[in-house]
Amino acid sequence: MKKIVLIYALLAFSISESKAQSFNNEGQVVSFMEGKEFKNSGNGLVIEYGYISSVNTYGIKVKNKRGDKFHFINVKIDCYGSFADLYGMSTKNGSNFGFRLYRNKLIVGKGEPGESTYYLSR
């Protein structure tokens, strides 16, 4: 009987854990990103997704160690189950910026020389 309970508990945990890591649609990504910050201690950048009051919309927010802020709007979110790609357009010059999101980190420039990793900090 104990073995059956243990197997059931492990199965329930693995199912809930796999659901927690799923990025199957835009809503799951936005919900996951709410209130979270990702930081790279090497370059001092902080990345998050949220409401940008100056342009009255949601988007990617980047802050450097001097406190300068950069915003990217019209964010496109592509979902792939265990990860998602987010990219948007700069409010200042129209350039594009994006990253690949995982459960506990995001990577800017995935697969490119000089890619940088940002870890969940809040």
N, C-alpha and C. Protein backbone atom coordinates (compact mmCIF):
# COMPACT_ATOMS: atom_id res chain seq x y z
N MET A 1 0.83 -1.20 0.00
CA MET A 1 0.00 0.00 0.00
C MET A 1 0.87 1.26 0.00
N LYS A 2 1.97 1.23 0.79
CA LYS A 2 2.87 2.39 0.84
C LYS A 2 3.50 2.65 -0.52
N LYS A 3 3.82 1.56 -1.25
CA LYS A 3 4.41 1.72 -2.57
C LYS A 3 3.45 2.41 -3.53
N ILE A 4 2.18 2.06 -3.47
CA ILE A 4 1.18 2.67 -4.35
C ILE A 4 1.03 4.15 -4.04
N VAL A 5 0.99 4.51 -2.78
CA VAL A 5 0.87 5.92 -2.38
C VAL A 5 2.10 6.69 -2.84
N LEU A 6 3.28 6.09 -2.67
CA LEU A 6 4.52 6.75 -3.08
C LEU A 6 4.55 6.95 -4.59
N ILE A 7 4.18 5.93 -5.34
CA ILE A 7 4.15 6.05 -6.80
C ILE A 7 3.15 7.13 -7.22
N TYR A 8 1.98 7.15 -6.62
CA TYR A 8 0.98 8.16 -6.94
C TYR A 8 1.50 9.57 -6.62
N ALA A 9 2.16 9.73 -5.49
CA ALA A 9 2.69 11.04 -5.10
C ALA A 9 3.78 11.49 -6.08
N LEU A 10 4.66 10.59 -6.47
CA LEU A 10 5.71 10.93 -7.44
C LEU A 10 5.12 11.29 -8.80
N LEU A 11 4.12 10.55 -9.22
CA LEU A 11 3.46 10.84 -10.49
C LEU A 11 2.76 12.20 -10.45
N ALA A 12 2.06 12.49 -9.38
CA ALA A 12 1.38 13.78 -9.24
C ALA A 12 2.38 14.93 -9.23
N PHE A 13 3.50 14.73 -8.54
CA PHE A 13 4.54 15.77 -8.49
C PHE A 13 5.12 16.01 -9.88
N SER A 14 5.43 14.94 -10.61
CA SER A 14 6.04 15.10 -11.93
C SER A 14 5.06 15.76 -12.91
N ILE A 15 3.78 15.45 -12.81
CA ILE A 15 2.79 16.09 -13.68
C ILE A 15 2.67 17.57 -13.35
N SER A 16 2.59 17.92 -12.06
CA SER A 16 2.48 19.33 -11.69
C SER A 16 3.74 20.09 -12.04
N GLU A 17 4.89 19.46 -11.90
CA GLU A 17 6.17 20.10 -12.25
C GLU A 17 6.25 20.35 -13.75
N SER A 18 5.80 19.40 -14.56
CA SER A 18 5.87 19.59 -16.01
C SER A 18 4.89 20.67 -16.46
N LYS A 19 3.74 20.76 -15.82
CA LYS A 19 2.79 21.83 -16.15
C LYS A 19 3.33 23.19 -15.77
N ALA A 20 4.06 23.27 -14.67
CA ALA A 20 4.61 24.54 -14.22
C ALA A 20 5.67 25.06 -15.18
N GLN A 21 6.29 24.18 -15.93
CA GLN A 21 7.35 24.57 -16.85
C GLN A 21 6.83 24.77 -18.27
N SER A 22 5.57 24.58 -18.51
CA SER A 22 5.03 24.65 -19.86
C SER A 22 4.77 26.08 -20.31
N PHE A 23 5.21 26.35 -21.52
CA PHE A 23 4.89 27.60 -22.19
C PHE A 23 4.19 27.24 -23.50
N ASN A 24 2.91 26.89 -23.39
CA ASN A 24 2.16 26.43 -24.55
C ASN A 24 1.37 27.53 -25.23
N ASN A 25 1.16 28.65 -24.52
CA ASN A 25 0.45 29.76 -25.14
C ASN A 25 0.91 31.07 -24.51
N GLU A 26 0.56 32.15 -25.17
CA GLU A 26 1.01 33.48 -24.75
C GLU A 26 0.56 33.80 -23.32
N GLY A 27 -0.65 33.40 -22.96
CA GLY A 27 -1.16 33.66 -21.62
C GLY A 27 -0.30 33.03 -20.53
N GLN A 28 0.18 31.81 -20.76
CA GLN A 28 1.03 31.14 -19.78
C GLN A 28 2.35 31.89 -19.62
N VAL A 29 2.89 32.40 -20.71
CA VAL A 29 4.16 33.13 -20.66
C VAL A 29 3.98 34.43 -19.89
N VAL A 30 2.95 35.19 -20.24
CA VAL A 30 2.70 36.48 -19.58
C VAL A 30 2.45 36.27 -18.10
N SER A 31 1.66 35.27 -17.76
CA SER A 31 1.38 34.97 -16.35
C SER A 31 2.66 34.59 -15.60
N PHE A 32 3.50 33.78 -16.22
CA PHE A 32 4.75 33.38 -15.60
C PHE A 32 5.67 34.58 -15.37
N MET A 33 5.74 35.48 -16.34
CA MET A 33 6.66 36.62 -16.28
C MET A 33 6.22 37.70 -15.28
N GLU A 34 4.95 37.72 -14.94
CA GLU A 34 4.43 38.78 -14.07
C GLU A 34 5.18 38.83 -12.74
N GLY A 35 5.78 39.98 -12.46
CA GLY A 35 6.47 40.21 -11.20
C GLY A 35 7.86 39.60 -11.10
N LYS A 36 8.37 39.04 -12.19
CA LYS A 36 9.69 38.42 -12.16
C LYS A 36 10.73 39.31 -12.83
N GLU A 37 11.95 39.25 -12.30
CA GLU A 37 13.10 39.94 -12.87
C GLU A 37 14.19 38.91 -13.13
N PHE A 38 14.90 39.14 -14.21
CA PHE A 38 16.04 38.30 -14.55
C PHE A 38 17.26 39.20 -14.62
N LYS A 39 18.35 38.77 -13.97
CA LYS A 39 19.51 39.64 -13.85
C LYS A 39 20.78 38.90 -14.28
N ASN A 40 21.67 39.67 -14.91
CA ASN A 40 23.01 39.19 -15.25
C ASN A 40 23.97 39.99 -14.39
N SER A 41 24.61 39.34 -13.43
CA SER A 41 25.49 40.07 -12.52
C SER A 41 26.76 40.55 -13.21
N GLY A 42 27.13 39.93 -14.32
CA GLY A 42 28.32 40.34 -15.04
C GLY A 42 28.18 41.68 -15.73
N ASN A 43 27.05 41.90 -16.41
CA ASN A 43 26.85 43.16 -17.12
C ASN A 43 25.90 44.12 -16.40
N GLY A 44 25.27 43.66 -15.33
CA GLY A 44 24.42 44.52 -14.53
C GLY A 44 23.04 44.81 -15.10
N LEU A 45 22.66 44.13 -16.19
CA LEU A 45 21.35 44.37 -16.78
C LEU A 45 20.27 43.56 -16.07
N VAL A 46 19.09 44.16 -15.96
CA VAL A 46 17.91 43.51 -15.40
C VAL A 46 16.83 43.54 -16.48
N ILE A 47 16.20 42.39 -16.73
CA ILE A 47 15.17 42.27 -17.76
C ILE A 47 13.89 41.78 -17.11
N GLU A 48 12.77 42.39 -17.51
CA GLU A 48 11.46 41.93 -17.05
C GLU A 48 10.42 42.22 -18.11
N TYR A 49 9.24 41.67 -17.93
CA TYR A 49 8.12 41.92 -18.83
C TYR A 49 7.01 42.49 -17.97
N GLY A 50 6.41 43.60 -18.41
CA GLY A 50 5.33 44.17 -17.62
C GLY A 50 4.77 45.43 -18.24
N TYR A 51 3.96 46.12 -17.47
CA TYR A 51 3.28 47.32 -17.93
C TYR A 51 4.27 48.48 -18.01
N ILE A 52 4.23 49.20 -19.12
CA ILE A 52 5.07 50.37 -19.34
C ILE A 52 4.14 51.59 -19.39
N SER A 53 4.08 52.33 -18.31
CA SER A 53 3.10 53.42 -18.21
C SER A 53 3.34 54.53 -19.23
N SER A 54 4.61 54.80 -19.59
CA SER A 54 4.90 55.90 -20.51
C SER A 54 4.31 55.68 -21.90
N VAL A 55 4.05 54.44 -22.27
CA VAL A 55 3.46 54.15 -23.58
C VAL A 55 2.13 53.40 -23.44
N ASN A 56 1.66 53.24 -22.20
CA ASN A 56 0.36 52.65 -21.91
C ASN A 56 0.17 51.27 -22.55
N THR A 57 1.17 50.43 -22.42
CA THR A 57 1.07 49.07 -22.94
C THR A 57 2.04 48.17 -22.20
N TYR A 58 1.98 46.90 -22.48
CA TYR A 58 2.90 45.92 -21.89
C TYR A 58 4.07 45.69 -22.83
N GLY A 59 5.21 45.34 -22.24
CA GLY A 59 6.38 45.07 -23.06
C GLY A 59 7.56 44.62 -22.23
N ILE A 60 8.70 44.53 -22.90
CA ILE A 60 9.95 44.14 -22.27
C ILE A 60 10.60 45.39 -21.70
N LYS A 61 11.05 45.30 -20.45
CA LYS A 61 11.73 46.42 -19.80
C LYS A 61 13.14 45.98 -19.44
N VAL A 62 14.11 46.81 -19.84
CA VAL A 62 15.51 46.53 -19.55
C VAL A 62 16.08 47.71 -18.79
N LYS A 63 16.81 47.42 -17.72
CA LYS A 63 17.43 48.48 -16.93
C LYS A 63 18.90 48.14 -16.75
N ASN A 64 19.78 49.15 -16.97
CA ASN A 64 21.21 48.90 -16.76
C ASN A 64 21.61 49.32 -15.35
N LYS A 65 22.87 49.09 -15.01
CA LYS A 65 23.31 49.35 -13.63
C LYS A 65 23.33 50.84 -13.29
N ARG A 66 23.29 51.73 -14.27
CA ARG A 66 23.21 53.17 -14.01
C ARG A 66 21.76 53.64 -13.84
N GLY A 67 20.82 52.74 -14.05
CA GLY A 67 19.41 53.08 -13.90
C GLY A 67 18.72 53.51 -15.18
N ASP A 68 19.45 53.50 -16.31
CA ASP A 68 18.83 53.83 -17.60
C ASP A 68 17.84 52.73 -17.97
N LYS A 69 16.69 53.14 -18.50
CA LYS A 69 15.64 52.18 -18.85
C LYS A 69 15.41 52.17 -20.35
N PHE A 70 15.17 50.98 -20.87
CA PHE A 70 14.88 50.78 -22.28
C PHE A 70 13.61 49.94 -22.37
N HIS A 71 12.71 50.32 -23.26
CA HIS A 71 11.43 49.62 -23.39
C HIS A 71 11.25 49.09 -24.81
N PHE A 72 10.64 47.92 -24.88
CA PHE A 72 10.38 47.27 -26.16
C PHE A 72 8.93 46.82 -26.18
N ILE A 73 8.19 47.30 -27.17
CA ILE A 73 6.75 47.07 -27.23
C ILE A 73 6.40 46.19 -28.43
N ASN A 74 5.09 45.97 -28.61
CA ASN A 74 4.59 45.08 -29.67
C ASN A 74 5.31 43.74 -29.60
N VAL A 75 5.38 43.20 -28.40
CA VAL A 75 6.14 41.98 -28.15
C VAL A 75 5.45 40.78 -28.79
N LYS A 76 6.20 40.04 -29.54
CA LYS A 76 5.75 38.80 -30.15
C LYS A 76 6.24 37.67 -29.27
N ILE A 77 5.35 36.76 -28.94
CA ILE A 77 5.68 35.62 -28.08
C ILE A 77 5.43 34.34 -28.86
N ASP A 78 6.49 33.56 -29.05
CA ASP A 78 6.39 32.25 -29.69
C ASP A 78 6.63 31.19 -28.64
N CYS A 79 5.69 30.26 -28.50
CA CYS A 79 5.74 29.25 -27.45
C CYS A 79 6.17 27.90 -28.02
N TYR A 80 7.02 27.21 -27.28
CA TYR A 80 7.55 25.92 -27.71
C TYR A 80 7.47 24.87 -26.61
N GLY A 81 6.59 25.05 -25.65
CA GLY A 81 6.42 24.06 -24.57
C GLY A 81 7.35 24.30 -23.41
N SER A 82 8.60 23.89 -23.53
CA SER A 82 9.54 24.04 -22.42
C SER A 82 10.25 25.40 -22.43
N PHE A 83 10.08 26.18 -23.50
CA PHE A 83 10.66 27.52 -23.56
C PHE A 83 9.81 28.39 -24.47
N ALA A 84 10.07 29.68 -24.43
CA ALA A 84 9.35 30.63 -25.29
C ALA A 84 10.32 31.71 -25.75
N ASP A 85 10.08 32.23 -26.93
CA ASP A 85 10.87 33.35 -27.46
C ASP A 85 10.01 34.61 -27.40
N LEU A 86 10.59 35.68 -26.85
CA LEU A 86 9.92 36.98 -26.78
C LEU A 86 10.81 38.00 -27.48
N TYR A 87 10.21 38.83 -28.31
CA TYR A 87 10.97 39.91 -28.92
C TYR A 87 10.03 41.06 -29.26
N GLY A 88 10.59 42.28 -29.10
CA GLY A 88 9.79 43.46 -29.33
C GLY A 88 10.62 44.57 -29.96
N MET A 89 9.95 45.70 -30.18
CA MET A 89 10.53 46.84 -30.87
C MET A 89 10.81 47.97 -29.88
N SER A 90 11.98 48.60 -30.03
CA SER A 90 12.37 49.71 -29.16
C SER A 90 11.42 50.89 -29.32
N THR A 91 11.09 51.52 -28.20
CA THR A 91 10.27 52.73 -28.25
C THR A 91 11.09 53.94 -28.68
N LYS A 92 12.41 53.83 -28.66
CA LYS A 92 13.27 54.97 -29.01
C LYS A 92 13.68 54.97 -30.48
N ASN A 93 14.12 53.81 -30.99
CA ASN A 93 14.66 53.82 -32.34
C ASN A 93 14.13 52.72 -33.25
N GLY A 94 13.19 51.92 -32.78
CA GLY A 94 12.59 50.88 -33.61
C GLY A 94 13.41 49.61 -33.75
N SER A 95 14.57 49.54 -33.09
CA SER A 95 15.39 48.31 -33.17
C SER A 95 14.69 47.19 -32.41
N ASN A 96 15.08 45.98 -32.72
CA ASN A 96 14.48 44.80 -32.09
C ASN A 96 15.35 44.26 -30.97
N PHE A 97 14.69 43.68 -29.97
CA PHE A 97 15.38 43.04 -28.85
C PHE A 97 14.54 41.85 -28.43
N GLY A 98 15.20 40.76 -28.11
CA GLY A 98 14.45 39.60 -27.67
C GLY A 98 15.31 38.63 -26.89
N PHE A 99 14.65 37.58 -26.42
CA PHE A 99 15.34 36.57 -25.62
C PHE A 99 14.55 35.27 -25.64
N ARG A 100 15.23 34.20 -25.22
CA ARG A 100 14.59 32.90 -25.04
C ARG A 100 14.38 32.69 -23.54
N LEU A 101 13.16 32.41 -23.18
CA LEU A 101 12.76 32.26 -21.78
C LEU A 101 12.65 30.79 -21.40
N TYR A 102 13.28 30.45 -20.30
CA TYR A 102 13.13 29.14 -19.66
C TYR A 102 12.54 29.40 -18.28
N ARG A 103 12.29 28.35 -17.52
CA ARG A 103 11.65 28.51 -16.21
C ARG A 103 12.46 29.36 -15.24
N ASN A 104 13.77 29.19 -15.19
CA ASN A 104 14.56 29.90 -14.18
C ASN A 104 15.61 30.82 -14.78
N LYS A 105 15.60 30.99 -16.10
CA LYS A 105 16.58 31.86 -16.74
C LYS A 105 16.07 32.30 -18.11
N LEU A 106 16.75 33.29 -18.65
CA LEU A 106 16.51 33.65 -20.04
C LEU A 106 17.85 33.90 -20.70
N ILE A 107 17.89 33.74 -22.01
CA ILE A 107 19.13 33.87 -22.75
C ILE A 107 18.91 34.86 -23.88
N VAL A 108 19.75 35.89 -23.91
CA VAL A 108 19.74 36.87 -24.99
C VAL A 108 20.77 36.41 -26.01
N GLY A 109 20.37 36.33 -27.27
CA GLY A 109 21.29 35.90 -28.32
C GLY A 109 21.55 34.41 -28.31
N LYS A 110 20.53 33.61 -28.02
CA LYS A 110 20.68 32.15 -27.94
C LYS A 110 21.33 31.61 -29.20
N GLY A 111 22.45 30.88 -29.02
CA GLY A 111 23.14 30.26 -30.12
C GLY A 111 24.08 31.18 -30.89
N GLU A 112 24.13 32.43 -30.50
CA GLU A 112 24.99 33.40 -31.16
C GLU A 112 26.27 33.61 -30.36
N PRO A 113 27.35 34.04 -31.02
CA PRO A 113 28.54 34.40 -30.25
C PRO A 113 28.20 35.55 -29.30
N GLY A 114 28.63 35.44 -28.07
CA GLY A 114 28.36 36.51 -27.11
C GLY A 114 27.00 36.42 -26.45
N GLU A 115 26.31 35.27 -26.54
CA GLU A 115 25.02 35.15 -25.86
C GLU A 115 25.22 35.39 -24.37
N SER A 116 24.20 35.93 -23.72
CA SER A 116 24.30 36.19 -22.29
C SER A 116 23.09 35.59 -21.56
N THR A 117 23.35 35.08 -20.38
CA THR A 117 22.33 34.41 -19.58
C THR A 117 21.93 35.28 -18.40
N TYR A 118 20.64 35.35 -18.14
CA TYR A 118 20.08 36.13 -17.05
C TYR A 118 19.30 35.17 -16.16
N TYR A 119 19.55 35.23 -14.87
CA TYR A 119 18.93 34.31 -13.94
C TYR A 119 17.82 34.99 -13.15
N LEU A 120 16.82 34.21 -12.83
CA LEU A 120 15.69 34.70 -12.06
C LEU A 120 16.17 35.27 -10.74
N SER A 121 15.87 36.54 -10.49
CA SER A 121 16.32 37.16 -9.26
C SER A 121 15.17 37.58 -8.36
N ARG A 122 13.99 37.73 -8.92
CA ARG A 122 12.80 38.11 -8.13
C ARG A 122 11.59 37.56 -8.80
